[in-house]
Amino acid sequence: MNPSPATAAKAPALAAQHANPKSDIEIAQAAKMQPIIEIAQKLGIKPENLEPYGHYKAKVSLDYIRRLQDRPNGKLILVSAINPTPAGEGKTTTTVGLTDALNRIGKKAMLCIREPSLGPCFGMKGGAAGGGYAQVVPMEEINLHFTGDLHAIGIANNLLAALIDNHIYWGNTLGIDGRRITWRRAIDMNERSLRSIVSSLGGVANGFPREDGFDITVASEVMAIFCLARDLQDLKRRLANIVFGYTRDRKPVRAGDLKAHGPMTALLKDALAPNLVQTMEGTPAFIHGGPFANIAHGCNSVLATTTALKLADYVVTECGFGADLGGEKFMDIKCRKAGLAPDCLVLVATIRALKMHGGVKKEDLKAENLKALEAGMANLARHIENVKKFGIVPVVSINRFSADTDAEIALAKDACAKLGVEALLADHWALGSEGATDVARAAVRVADSGKSKLKFLYPDDMPLLEKIRTIAKEIYRAKDIEVDKAVRDQLAAFEAMGYGKFPICVAKTQYSFSTNPDARGAPVDHVIKVRDVRLSAGAEFVVAICGEVLTMPGLPKIPAANAIDVGPDGKIVGLF
């Protein structure tokens, strides 16, 4: 497909922007934002239904959301991607640019994405608000403390931890076995030294010493519950159902038994209202909730998504990392629990990343390499096949880089055409909405066609172990799974407790279909080792931890934090 006349006319400026790019934060800080009251008016939300956080952020009141329930739903467009590489794919950037493009072509659209975690912001990834001229703003506030939602989630998590230890200290009338407490503390930062700790040292007054540990907040079950709750009462119900440990005779003990769900809900009440912000082009955006997809279910809140569907004709949302992780969980967990179904799925890829999947080193990506690209296309093809297994019609968005050659682009498009999928070139990073109009029109055609009919990968009544095996074989193309007796026994215990109908949330590396992060492309016949399983009774899924994935990341040798600072003018610099 040839570029549009407008895009072709801007080719010199486009080349200059690719050659001498401004940083994302420089572009975002130069944007002229509209007052959040004006953004809300585009959705028909009156000022009295907003709870402003300054001039450019607001929460939409839960009372107003309840009054929307009888409205019809718009179309849901899901954005996913190939397995991520250091070359970059631009999934969030595409989510933003595509929504802007939908409005540009005359559709009433808004987007729903996750709140960034401070862990990757100061660790390896940097900011998570899109990029280039397809960003949500105010970028620095969104990436840092925002409206305090993640802090509230972490404190609610740790309130339960404090109540557990306090109950044991004051006599332990529930008979909690200190050796079988499964609840971990949480902090929203990459902190490897807190993965495994011993708490309550220092004498009798400090309680009973025991092994403990921290997860990053986005891996907390409270985060999962927050993002799956339909309303305040559902949130409280789910919090009460958290199983945090067991008695000596191995009976589960729940947060409701400690009366912890009430005060936890009080801490989360304000946070549960979705956050309204805007893109650089003034498109309304909900940014709410933020579970990782490699260790959690990787979707923004159900409440934000379902509310957006009442307010706009087209809602664009994303799922974390590749379609093998975030995409599968979006379908089998979020859609299953919330009654949602995508009308179209946009798969994001870059020529650079596909060549990397074909074996090219990062420093060699600028050179044309059709052989490597053809090999790397196997990764995209696998994701296309997987999306179709769910009954969803995909569209491929190829994010353009200046080094991409005509031959490489033609090869990628031809390969997609042979798989029966339309692939379109996009350059929203440099051109904003104008660079994604072709993808927007294609997504609308698919969404309006009604051809997508969601099918889950497995039924509710399939045994938990077989659900894990089904995901491994059908999505990851594994030969089988490897499961120790202790893990099998734990799964059997979950089923005996009445949790056998829960879906599975796989925690594994995002970089590969296998558990080996270096196995790029489309590996087959590997074995998925299930190292541990955890019950998330409030979130209503079972986590299967596979390979060496960690629920508390560490900082890299040179963390992104090293580049972040505040200039003499008070502006933040270095945040991606």
Protein backbone atom coordinates (compact mmCIF):
# COMPACT_ATOMS: atom_id res chain seq x y z
CA MET A 1 0.00 0.00 0.00
CA ASN A 2 1.41 3.42 -0.96
CA PRO A 3 1.58 6.24 1.59
CA SER A 4 -1.26 8.75 1.52
CA PRO A 5 -0.64 11.94 -0.52
CA ALA A 6 -0.46 13.98 2.70
CA THR A 7 2.11 11.62 4.17
CA ALA A 8 4.15 11.65 0.96
CA ALA A 9 4.07 15.45 0.90
CA LYS A 10 5.53 15.53 4.39
CA ALA A 11 8.33 13.10 3.53
CA PRO A 12 11.21 15.62 3.94
CA ALA A 13 9.95 16.78 7.33
CA LEU A 14 9.29 13.18 8.30
CA ALA A 15 12.84 12.18 7.46
CA ALA A 16 14.17 15.10 9.46
CA GLN A 17 12.15 14.10 12.52
CA HIS A 18 13.45 10.55 12.35
CA ALA A 19 17.03 11.75 11.88
CA ASN A 20 16.98 14.40 14.63
CA PRO A 21 14.24 13.33 17.01
CA LYS A 22 13.30 15.25 20.13
CA SER A 23 12.91 13.19 23.27
CA ASP A 24 9.41 12.09 24.22
CA ILE A 25 9.40 14.32 27.27
CA GLU A 26 10.50 17.36 25.20
CA ILE A 27 7.64 16.77 22.76
CA ALA A 28 5.14 16.26 25.57
CA GLN A 29 6.22 19.37 27.48
CA ALA A 30 5.76 21.47 24.33
CA ALA A 31 2.16 20.27 23.86
CA LYS A 32 -0.68 22.72 24.47
CA MET A 33 -3.14 20.91 26.71
CA GLN A 34 -6.85 21.66 26.96
CA PRO A 35 -8.50 22.06 30.38
CA ILE A 36 -9.79 18.69 31.52
CA ILE A 37 -13.32 20.11 31.77
CA GLU A 38 -13.25 20.69 27.98
CA ILE A 39 -11.98 17.14 27.37
CA ALA A 40 -14.84 15.78 29.49
CA GLN A 41 -17.36 17.82 27.49
CA LYS A 42 -16.33 15.93 24.34
CA LEU A 43 -17.71 12.81 26.05
CA GLY A 44 -20.82 14.58 27.36
CA ILE A 45 -19.53 14.58 30.95
CA LYS A 46 -20.56 17.69 32.88
CA PRO A 47 -18.15 19.41 35.32
CA GLU A 48 -20.18 18.32 38.36
CA ASN A 49 -19.40 14.68 37.47
CA LEU A 50 -15.65 15.25 37.63
CA GLU A 51 -13.27 15.26 40.57
CA PRO A 52 -10.38 17.38 39.21
CA TYR A 53 -6.76 16.81 40.15
CA GLY A 54 -5.46 20.15 38.97
CA HIS A 55 -6.26 21.55 35.52
CA TYR A 56 -5.45 18.55 33.30
CA LYS A 57 -6.41 15.41 35.25
CA ALA A 58 -9.69 14.32 36.79
CA LYS A 59 -11.53 11.30 38.07
CA VAL A 60 -14.99 10.55 36.75
CA SER A 61 -17.37 10.02 39.66
CA LEU A 62 -18.66 6.52 40.36
CA ASP A 63 -22.20 7.89 40.81
CA TYR A 64 -22.12 9.23 37.23
CA ILE A 65 -20.76 5.91 35.92
CA ARG A 66 -23.65 4.03 37.53
CA ARG A 67 -26.10 6.20 35.56
CA LEU A 68 -24.54 5.14 32.24
CA GLN A 69 -25.43 1.46 32.45
CA ASP A 70 -28.45 1.55 30.12
CA ARG A 71 -26.51 3.11 27.25
CA PRO A 72 -25.45 0.88 24.32
CA ASN A 73 -21.80 -0.11 23.97
CA GLY A 74 -19.43 1.16 21.31
CA LYS A 75 -16.96 -1.03 19.41
CA LEU A 76 -13.87 -2.36 21.22
CA ILE A 77 -10.52 -2.35 19.40
CA LEU A 78 -7.70 -4.19 21.18
CA VAL A 79 -4.04 -3.39 20.49
CA SER A 80 -1.40 -6.07 21.02
CA ALA A 81 2.01 -6.85 19.55
CA ILE A 82 4.67 -9.36 18.67
CA ASN A 83 7.07 -10.50 21.43
CA PRO A 84 8.98 -7.40 22.54
CA THR A 85 12.62 -6.86 21.64
CA PRO A 86 15.20 -4.16 22.43
CA ALA A 87 14.47 -2.80 18.93
CA GLY A 88 11.09 -1.52 20.09
CA GLU A 89 7.57 -2.13 18.79
CA GLY A 90 5.55 0.88 19.98
CA LYS A 91 2.36 -0.72 21.23
CA THR A 92 1.26 2.09 23.54
CA THR A 93 2.30 4.66 20.94
CA THR A 94 0.08 2.85 18.44
CA THR A 95 -2.83 2.75 20.90
CA VAL A 96 -2.60 6.53 21.28
CA GLY A 97 -1.96 7.30 17.60
CA LEU A 98 -4.73 4.98 16.42
CA THR A 99 -7.30 6.61 18.71
CA ASP A 100 -6.26 10.06 17.54
CA ALA A 101 -6.56 8.82 13.95
CA LEU A 102 -10.07 7.47 14.54
CA ASN A 103 -11.15 10.94 15.65
CA ARG A 104 -9.32 12.44 12.68
CA ILE A 105 -11.41 10.35 10.24
CA GLY A 106 -14.61 11.46 11.93
CA LYS A 107 -15.26 8.79 14.55
CA LYS A 108 -16.01 9.43 18.22
CA ALA A 109 -13.21 7.52 19.91
CA MET A 110 -11.33 7.36 23.20
CA LEU A 111 -8.60 5.16 24.61
CA CYS A 112 -8.06 3.13 27.77
CA ILE A 113 -4.53 2.25 28.89
CA ARG A 114 -2.74 1.24 32.08
CA GLU A 115 -1.09 3.47 34.63
CA PRO A 116 2.72 3.26 34.50
CA SER A 117 4.56 1.64 37.40
CA LEU A 118 7.45 3.49 39.00
CA GLY A 119 9.50 0.29 38.78
CA PRO A 120 10.15 0.36 35.02
CA CYS A 121 10.08 4.18 34.93
CA PHE A 122 13.21 4.22 37.10
CA GLY A 123 14.48 0.83 35.94
CA MET A 124 14.94 -0.32 32.37
CA LYS A 125 11.94 0.76 30.33
CA GLY A 126 11.53 4.44 31.15
CA GLY A 127 8.16 6.17 30.73
CA ALA A 128 5.00 4.49 29.46
CA ALA A 129 2.76 7.21 28.03
CA GLY A 130 3.31 6.59 24.31
CA GLY A 131 6.00 8.27 22.28
CA GLY A 132 6.81 10.94 19.74
CA TYR A 133 3.68 12.77 18.59
CA ALA A 134 1.37 10.04 19.90
CA GLN A 135 1.42 10.55 23.65
CA VAL A 136 -0.93 11.05 26.57
CA VAL A 137 -0.33 14.15 28.67
CA PRO A 138 0.65 15.48 31.18
CA MET A 139 3.36 12.90 30.50
CA GLU A 140 5.54 13.45 33.60
CA GLU A 141 2.62 13.36 36.03
CA ILE A 142 1.15 10.23 34.43
CA ASN A 143 4.51 8.45 34.66
CA LEU A 144 5.21 9.49 38.24
CA HIS A 145 2.64 9.75 41.05
CA PHE A 146 -0.36 10.61 38.80
CA THR A 147 -3.50 10.56 41.00
CA GLY A 148 -2.03 8.25 43.64
CA ASP A 149 -3.86 5.07 42.57
CA LEU A 150 -0.80 2.81 42.72
CA HIS A 151 0.13 4.16 46.14
CA ALA A 152 -3.39 3.38 47.40
CA ILE A 153 -3.17 -0.16 46.03
CA GLY A 154 0.21 -0.74 47.67
CA ILE A 155 -1.01 0.59 51.03
CA ALA A 156 -4.17 -1.55 50.88
CA ASN A 157 -1.98 -4.59 50.17
CA ASN A 158 0.27 -3.77 53.12
CA LEU A 159 -2.64 -3.04 55.45
CA LEU A 160 -3.70 -6.66 55.04
CA ALA A 161 -0.12 -7.79 55.72
CA ALA A 162 -0.02 -5.67 58.91
CA LEU A 163 -3.38 -6.99 60.09
CA ILE A 164 -2.25 -10.59 59.58
CA ASP A 165 0.86 -10.20 61.72
CA ASN A 166 -1.01 -8.13 64.30
CA HIS A 167 -3.69 -10.82 64.63
CA ILE A 168 -1.05 -13.46 65.28
CA TYR A 169 0.68 -11.20 67.82
CA TRP A 170 -2.52 -10.70 69.83
CA GLY A 171 -3.36 -14.37 70.28
CA ASN A 172 -4.19 -15.73 66.78
CA THR A 173 -7.79 -16.74 67.41
CA LEU A 174 -8.12 -17.73 63.72
CA GLY A 175 -5.36 -20.31 64.16
CA ILE A 176 -3.26 -18.96 61.28
CA ASP A 177 -0.19 -21.11 60.63
CA GLY A 178 2.74 -18.67 60.43
CA ARG A 179 4.53 -21.09 58.11
CA ARG A 180 1.69 -21.04 55.62
CA ILE A 181 1.07 -17.33 55.16
CA THR A 182 1.05 -16.72 51.38
CA TRP A 183 0.37 -12.97 51.46
CA ARG A 184 3.40 -10.85 50.54
CA ARG A 185 3.99 -7.16 51.00
CA ALA A 186 4.21 -4.77 48.02
CA ILE A 187 6.15 -1.73 46.89
CA ASP A 188 5.96 0.05 43.53
CA MET A 189 9.69 -0.09 42.78
CA ASN A 190 12.15 -2.65 41.43
CA GLU A 191 13.82 -3.81 44.65
CA ARG A 192 15.56 -7.19 44.43
CA SER A 193 16.76 -7.05 48.04
CA LEU A 194 13.15 -7.32 49.23
CA ARG A 195 12.24 -10.46 47.27
CA SER A 196 12.90 -12.70 50.28
CA ILE A 197 13.22 -11.31 53.79
CA VAL A 198 12.75 -12.29 57.43
CA SER A 199 10.36 -10.02 59.30
CA SER A 200 9.62 -9.32 62.98
CA LEU A 201 13.19 -9.49 64.23
CA GLY A 202 14.27 -7.58 67.36
CA GLY A 203 12.58 -9.32 70.23
CA VAL A 204 9.22 -10.27 71.70
CA ALA A 205 7.65 -6.82 71.26
CA ASN A 206 8.05 -7.00 67.48
CA GLY A 207 6.04 -10.18 66.92
CA PHE A 208 6.92 -13.64 65.69
CA PRO A 209 9.83 -13.86 63.21
CA ARG A 210 8.93 -15.48 59.90
CA GLU A 211 9.97 -15.59 56.26
CA ASP A 212 8.33 -12.92 54.16
CA GLY A 213 8.89 -11.00 50.93
CA PHE A 214 7.74 -8.21 48.63
CA ASP A 215 6.19 -8.21 45.17
CA ILE A 216 6.12 -5.12 42.98
CA THR A 217 2.72 -3.44 43.45
CA VAL A 218 1.60 -4.22 39.91
CA ALA A 219 1.92 -7.95 40.73
CA SER A 220 -0.19 -7.68 43.88
CA GLU A 221 -3.51 -9.47 43.96
CA VAL A 222 -5.00 -6.17 45.13
CA MET A 223 -4.00 -4.66 41.79
CA ALA A 224 -5.65 -7.56 39.94
CA ILE A 225 -8.81 -7.21 42.03
CA PHE A 226 -8.83 -3.44 41.48
CA CYS A 227 -8.66 -3.92 37.71
CA LEU A 228 -11.32 -6.66 37.55
CA ALA A 229 -13.88 -5.14 39.93
CA ARG A 230 -17.09 -3.91 38.31
CA ASP A 231 -17.97 -1.45 41.08
CA LEU A 232 -17.31 -0.62 44.73
CA GLN A 233 -19.35 -3.52 46.11
CA ASP A 234 -17.68 -6.00 43.77
CA LEU A 235 -14.32 -4.61 44.90
CA LYS A 236 -15.22 -5.19 48.56
CA ARG A 237 -16.52 -8.70 47.83
CA ARG A 238 -13.33 -9.67 46.04
CA LEU A 239 -11.10 -8.21 48.76
CA ALA A 240 -13.00 -10.26 51.38
CA ASN A 241 -12.36 -13.42 49.36
CA ILE A 242 -8.55 -13.06 49.35
CA VAL A 243 -6.97 -16.23 50.75
CA PHE A 244 -3.88 -14.99 52.58
CA GLY A 245 -2.86 -18.17 54.38
CA TYR A 246 -3.88 -21.43 55.98
CA THR A 247 -4.45 -22.96 59.41
CA ARG A 248 -2.38 -25.87 60.70
CA ASP A 249 -4.97 -28.28 59.29
CA ARG A 250 -4.63 -26.43 55.95
CA LYS A 251 -7.97 -24.69 55.89
CA PRO A 252 -7.89 -21.36 54.02
CA VAL A 253 -8.07 -18.09 55.94
CA ARG A 254 -9.54 -15.09 54.13
CA ALA A 255 -9.24 -11.33 54.43
CA GLY A 256 -12.91 -11.24 55.35
CA ASP A 257 -12.15 -13.38 58.41
CA LEU A 258 -9.88 -10.56 59.62
CA LYS A 259 -12.48 -7.92 58.69
CA ALA A 260 -9.75 -6.43 56.49
CA HIS A 261 -11.91 -5.91 53.40
CA GLY A 262 -13.73 -2.87 54.82
CA PRO A 263 -10.69 -0.72 55.57
CA MET A 264 -8.98 -1.93 52.37
CA THR A 265 -12.01 -0.74 50.39
CA ALA A 266 -11.87 2.59 52.22
CA LEU A 267 -8.29 3.05 51.03
CA LEU A 268 -9.27 2.21 47.44
CA LYS A 269 -12.62 4.02 47.21
CA ASP A 270 -11.34 7.19 45.54
CA ALA A 271 -8.78 5.34 43.43
CA LEU A 272 -11.48 3.14 41.86
CA ALA A 273 -12.90 6.07 39.88
CA PRO A 274 -11.24 6.11 36.39
CA ASN A 275 -8.67 8.80 35.60
CA LEU A 276 -9.48 11.07 32.64
CA VAL A 277 -6.63 12.76 30.76
CA GLN A 278 -5.97 13.58 27.09
CA THR A 279 -3.67 12.83 24.19
CA MET A 280 -1.51 15.56 22.67
CA GLU A 281 -4.29 16.02 20.09
CA GLY A 282 -7.02 16.41 22.72
CA THR A 283 -8.50 12.91 22.51
CA PRO A 284 -10.08 11.79 25.81
CA ALA A 285 -8.20 8.97 27.55
CA PHE A 286 -8.82 6.81 30.60
CA ILE A 287 -5.62 5.70 32.32
CA HIS A 288 -6.53 3.38 35.17
CA GLY A 289 -4.92 0.37 36.84
CA GLY A 290 -1.62 -1.14 35.85
CA PRO A 291 -0.94 -4.89 36.22
CA PHE A 292 2.10 -6.19 34.31
CA ALA A 293 1.36 -8.86 31.70
CA ASN A 294 4.43 -11.01 32.37
CA ILE A 295 3.53 -11.51 36.05
CA ALA A 296 -0.15 -10.47 36.16
CA HIS A 297 -3.02 -10.13 33.68
CA GLY A 298 -1.79 -6.98 31.94
CA CYS A 299 -4.96 -4.95 31.26
CA ASN A 300 -6.35 -1.62 32.42
CA SER A 301 -9.38 -1.67 34.71
CA VAL A 302 -12.67 -3.26 33.71
CA LEU A 303 -14.43 -0.19 35.11
CA ALA A 304 -12.53 2.16 32.78
CA THR A 305 -13.11 -0.04 29.71
CA THR A 306 -16.82 -0.61 30.32
CA THR A 307 -17.35 3.08 31.08
CA ALA A 308 -15.52 4.15 27.92
CA LEU A 309 -17.74 1.85 25.85
CA LYS A 310 -20.75 3.83 27.09
CA LEU A 311 -19.14 7.17 26.21
CA ALA A 312 -17.61 6.60 22.76
CA ASP A 313 -18.43 4.80 19.52
CA TYR A 314 -14.94 3.25 19.34
CA VAL A 315 -12.76 2.42 22.33
CA VAL A 316 -9.12 1.50 21.82
CA THR A 317 -7.40 -0.40 24.61
CA GLU A 318 -4.17 -2.36 24.89
CA CYS A 319 -2.95 -5.51 26.56
CA GLY A 320 0.56 -5.92 27.90
CA PHE A 321 3.57 -7.21 25.95
CA GLY A 322 2.90 -9.70 23.12
CA ALA A 323 -0.41 -11.29 22.20
CA ASP A 324 0.82 -14.57 23.72
CA LEU A 325 0.77 -13.05 27.21
CA GLY A 326 -1.39 -9.92 27.42
CA GLY A 327 -3.63 -10.93 24.53
CA GLU A 328 -4.38 -14.40 25.88
CA LYS A 329 -5.10 -13.02 29.35
CA PHE A 330 -7.28 -10.23 27.97
CA MET A 331 -9.47 -12.87 26.30
CA ASP A 332 -9.41 -15.66 28.85
CA ILE A 333 -9.47 -13.54 32.02
CA LYS A 334 -10.76 -10.00 31.41
CA CYS A 335 -13.29 -10.81 28.70
CA ARG A 336 -14.43 -13.95 30.49
CA LYS A 337 -15.01 -12.08 33.75
CA ALA A 338 -16.38 -8.81 32.38
CA GLY A 339 -18.43 -9.97 29.40
CA LEU A 340 -16.28 -8.03 26.93
CA ALA A 341 -15.32 -9.06 23.40
CA PRO A 342 -12.98 -7.22 20.99
CA ASP A 343 -14.43 -6.29 17.59
CA CYS A 344 -10.93 -6.06 16.09
CA LEU A 345 -7.34 -6.64 17.22
CA VAL A 346 -4.46 -4.51 15.93
CA LEU A 347 -1.14 -6.37 16.04
CA VAL A 348 1.85 -4.05 16.25
CA ALA A 349 5.24 -4.87 14.74
CA THR A 350 8.30 -3.10 13.37
CA ILE A 351 10.62 -4.21 10.60
CA ARG A 352 13.48 -3.74 13.08
CA ALA A 353 11.97 -6.02 15.70
CA LEU A 354 11.05 -8.67 13.14
CA LYS A 355 14.65 -8.70 11.89
CA MET A 356 15.80 -9.11 15.48
CA HIS A 357 13.49 -12.12 15.79
CA GLY A 358 15.24 -13.37 12.67
CA GLY A 359 18.64 -13.25 14.35
CA VAL A 360 20.00 -9.75 13.61
CA LYS A 361 21.88 -7.94 16.39
CA LYS A 362 20.56 -4.56 17.49
CA GLU A 363 23.57 -2.67 16.12
CA ASP A 364 23.00 -4.18 12.65
CA LEU A 365 19.29 -3.42 12.31
CA LYS A 366 19.66 -0.42 9.99
CA ALA A 367 20.98 -2.57 7.14
CA GLU A 368 18.49 -4.20 4.79
CA ASN A 369 18.24 -7.93 5.54
CA LEU A 370 15.40 -9.69 3.76
CA LYS A 371 16.51 -13.15 4.83
CA ALA A 372 16.43 -12.25 8.53
CA LEU A 373 13.12 -10.43 8.09
CA GLU A 374 11.57 -13.48 6.45
CA ALA A 375 12.77 -15.65 9.33
CA GLY A 376 11.51 -13.17 11.92
CA MET A 377 8.08 -13.00 10.28
CA ALA A 378 7.46 -16.39 11.90
CA ASN A 379 6.92 -14.58 15.20
CA LEU A 380 4.26 -12.29 13.73
CA ALA A 381 2.66 -15.21 11.89
CA ARG A 382 2.39 -17.15 15.16
CA HIS A 383 0.61 -14.25 16.83
CA ILE A 384 -1.78 -13.88 13.89
CA GLU A 385 -2.64 -17.58 14.13
CA ASN A 386 -3.18 -17.29 17.87
CA VAL A 387 -5.48 -14.28 17.57
CA LYS A 388 -7.59 -16.15 15.04
CA LYS A 389 -7.92 -19.05 17.51
CA PHE A 390 -9.91 -16.68 19.70
CA GLY A 391 -12.22 -15.86 16.79
CA ILE A 392 -10.95 -12.28 16.52
CA VAL A 393 -10.04 -10.69 13.17
CA PRO A 394 -6.59 -9.01 13.31
CA VAL A 395 -5.09 -6.07 11.45
CA VAL A 396 -1.30 -5.58 11.40
CA SER A 397 0.19 -2.14 12.02
CA ILE A 398 3.82 -1.84 10.91
CA ASN A 399 5.41 1.06 12.74
CA ARG A 400 7.71 2.82 10.30
CA PHE A 401 11.37 3.59 10.96
CA SER A 402 13.48 5.69 8.60
CA ALA A 403 15.84 2.76 7.85
CA ASP A 404 13.01 0.50 6.64
CA THR A 405 13.44 -0.23 2.93
CA ASP A 406 10.70 -0.61 0.33
CA ALA A 407 11.71 -4.24 -0.19
CA GLU A 408 11.42 -5.01 3.52
CA ILE A 409 8.03 -3.37 3.82
CA ALA A 410 6.78 -5.21 0.73
CA LEU A 411 7.99 -8.54 2.12
CA ALA A 412 6.18 -8.00 5.43
CA LYS A 413 2.94 -6.96 3.74
CA ASP A 414 3.04 -9.89 1.31
CA ALA A 415 3.64 -12.35 4.14
CA CYS A 416 0.64 -10.96 6.04
CA ALA A 417 -1.51 -11.08 2.90
CA LYS A 418 -0.71 -14.79 2.52
CA LEU A 419 -2.04 -15.26 6.05
CA GLY A 420 -5.24 -13.45 5.10
CA VAL A 421 -4.48 -10.35 7.16
CA GLU A 422 -4.19 -6.73 6.04
CA ALA A 423 -0.91 -5.02 7.01
CA LEU A 424 -0.60 -1.25 6.91
CA LEU A 425 2.27 1.15 7.38
CA ALA A 426 1.95 3.67 10.22
CA ASP A 427 3.97 6.70 11.26
CA HIS A 428 2.04 8.22 14.15
CA TRP A 429 5.29 8.56 16.13
CA ALA A 430 6.40 11.33 13.75
CA LEU A 431 3.08 12.54 12.28
CA GLY A 432 0.57 11.97 15.07
CA SER A 433 -2.94 11.04 13.98
CA GLU A 434 -2.24 11.64 10.29
CA GLY A 435 0.31 8.83 10.31
CA ALA A 436 -2.22 6.24 11.53
CA THR A 437 -5.30 6.99 9.42
CA ASP A 438 -4.83 3.95 7.18
CA VAL A 439 -4.70 1.67 10.22
CA ALA A 440 -7.74 3.45 11.69
CA ARG A 441 -9.81 2.91 8.55
CA ALA A 442 -8.84 -0.76 8.43
CA ALA A 443 -9.71 -1.26 12.11
CA VAL A 444 -13.10 0.39 11.58
CA ARG A 445 -13.83 -1.87 8.58
CA VAL A 446 -13.09 -4.97 10.65
CA ALA A 447 -14.91 -3.74 13.77
CA ASP A 448 -18.01 -2.75 11.81
CA SER A 449 -18.08 -6.00 9.84
CA GLY A 450 -19.10 -8.02 12.89
CA LYS A 451 -16.82 -10.88 11.83
CA SER A 452 -15.03 -11.14 15.18
CA LYS A 453 -16.74 -13.70 17.42
CA LEU A 454 -14.84 -14.32 20.66
CA LYS A 455 -14.06 -17.91 21.60
CA PHE A 456 -12.24 -18.76 24.81
CA LEU A 457 -9.22 -21.05 24.66
CA TYR A 458 -10.59 -23.43 27.30
CA PRO A 459 -13.87 -24.03 29.18
CA ASP A 460 -14.34 -23.13 32.84
CA ASP A 461 -14.74 -26.75 33.91
CA MET A 462 -11.43 -27.96 32.46
CA PRO A 463 -9.04 -29.05 35.29
CA LEU A 464 -6.50 -26.38 36.26
CA LEU A 465 -3.52 -28.46 35.15
CA GLU A 466 -5.09 -29.03 31.74
CA LYS A 467 -5.80 -25.32 31.36
CA ILE A 468 -2.09 -24.63 31.84
CA ARG A 469 -1.21 -27.38 29.36
CA THR A 470 -3.73 -26.02 26.83
CA ILE A 471 -2.20 -22.53 26.97
CA ALA A 472 1.31 -23.98 26.66
CA LYS A 473 0.46 -26.11 23.64
CA GLU A 474 -2.02 -23.89 21.81
CA ILE A 475 -0.42 -20.47 22.37
CA TYR A 476 3.27 -21.16 23.09
CA ARG A 477 3.46 -24.28 20.84
CA ALA A 478 5.18 -26.21 23.63
CA LYS A 479 5.56 -29.96 23.42
CA ASP A 480 4.29 -30.24 26.99
CA ILE A 481 4.56 -28.80 30.47
CA GLU A 482 6.81 -29.95 33.31
CA VAL A 483 5.09 -29.91 36.68
CA ASP A 484 6.55 -31.21 39.94
CA LYS A 485 4.41 -33.27 42.33
CA ALA A 486 4.25 -30.41 44.84
CA VAL A 487 2.74 -28.11 42.21
CA ARG A 488 0.31 -30.78 41.05
CA ASP A 489 -0.77 -31.34 44.65
CA GLN A 490 -1.28 -27.62 45.13
CA LEU A 491 -3.48 -27.41 42.03
CA ALA A 492 -5.49 -30.37 43.31
CA ALA A 493 -5.88 -28.58 46.64
CA PHE A 494 -7.16 -25.45 44.90
CA GLU A 495 -9.75 -27.57 43.09
CA ALA A 496 -10.78 -29.26 46.34
CA MET A 497 -11.31 -25.78 47.86
CA GLY A 498 -13.74 -24.95 45.04
CA TYR A 499 -11.48 -22.90 42.79
CA GLY A 500 -11.21 -25.33 39.89
CA LYS A 501 -13.25 -23.17 37.51
CA PHE A 502 -10.86 -20.22 37.73
CA PRO A 503 -8.91 -19.20 34.61
CA ILE A 504 -5.11 -19.34 34.52
CA CYS A 505 -2.81 -16.31 34.65
CA VAL A 506 0.59 -17.39 33.33
CA ALA A 507 3.66 -15.59 34.69
CA LYS A 508 6.58 -16.04 32.29
CA THR A 509 9.11 -14.13 30.25
CA GLN A 510 7.58 -11.76 27.72
CA TYR A 511 10.48 -12.04 25.28
CA SER A 512 9.73 -15.49 23.90
CA PHE A 513 7.00 -18.04 23.33
CA SER A 514 9.19 -20.32 25.45
CA THR A 515 10.52 -19.74 28.98
CA ASN A 516 13.94 -18.93 27.52
CA PRO A 517 14.04 -15.14 26.94
CA ASP A 518 16.77 -15.57 24.31
CA ALA A 519 14.68 -17.92 22.12
CA ARG A 520 13.31 -15.41 19.67
CA GLY A 521 11.24 -16.09 16.58
CA ALA A 522 8.70 -18.90 16.87
CA PRO A 523 10.21 -21.80 18.85
CA VAL A 524 8.35 -25.12 18.89
CA ASP A 525 8.45 -28.37 20.86
CA HIS A 526 9.95 -26.77 23.96
CA VAL A 527 8.82 -27.66 27.49
CA ILE A 528 7.20 -25.11 29.81
CA LYS A 529 8.31 -25.72 33.40
CA VAL A 530 5.69 -24.65 35.94
CA ARG A 531 7.76 -23.65 38.97
CA ASP A 532 4.97 -22.58 41.31
CA VAL A 533 1.26 -21.81 41.44
CA ARG A 534 -0.49 -19.16 43.50
CA LEU A 535 -4.17 -18.76 44.29
CA SER A 536 -5.69 -15.32 43.68
CA ALA A 537 -9.10 -16.07 45.14
CA GLY A 538 -10.23 -12.43 45.14
CA ALA A 539 -9.10 -11.79 41.58
CA GLU A 540 -10.60 -15.18 40.69
CA PHE A 541 -7.69 -16.73 38.83
CA VAL A 542 -4.75 -19.04 39.50
CA VAL A 543 -1.25 -17.78 38.73
CA ALA A 544 1.13 -20.32 37.15
CA ILE A 545 4.74 -19.15 37.53
CA CYS A 546 6.83 -20.55 34.70
CA GLY A 547 10.58 -20.52 34.15
CA GLU A 548 12.67 -17.90 35.93
CA VAL A 549 10.22 -14.99 35.89
CA LEU A 550 10.21 -12.89 39.07
CA THR A 551 7.31 -11.10 40.75
CA MET A 552 9.76 -8.51 42.09
CA PRO A 553 12.08 -7.20 39.34
CA GLY A 554 15.53 -5.75 39.99
CA LEU A 555 17.14 -2.61 38.64
CA PRO A 556 19.58 -2.96 35.71
CA LYS A 557 23.27 -2.09 36.00
CA ILE A 558 22.55 1.40 34.66
CA PRO A 559 18.96 2.19 35.69
CA ALA A 560 16.84 4.77 33.88
CA ALA A 561 16.80 6.66 37.19
CA ASN A 562 20.37 7.81 36.46
CA ALA A 563 19.10 10.07 33.65
CA ILE A 564 16.10 11.55 35.48
CA ASP A 565 16.49 14.96 37.07
CA VAL A 566 14.80 18.31 37.65
CA GLY A 567 16.18 21.34 35.82
CA PRO A 568 16.59 24.88 37.19
CA ASP A 569 13.19 25.78 35.70
CA GLY A 570 11.52 23.01 37.71
CA LYS A 571 10.91 20.81 34.66
CA ILE A 572 11.63 17.09 34.86
CA VAL A 573 14.19 15.83 32.34
CA GLY A 574 15.34 12.38 31.27
CA LEU A 575 12.01 10.61 31.75
CA PHE A 576 12.28 8.72 28.45
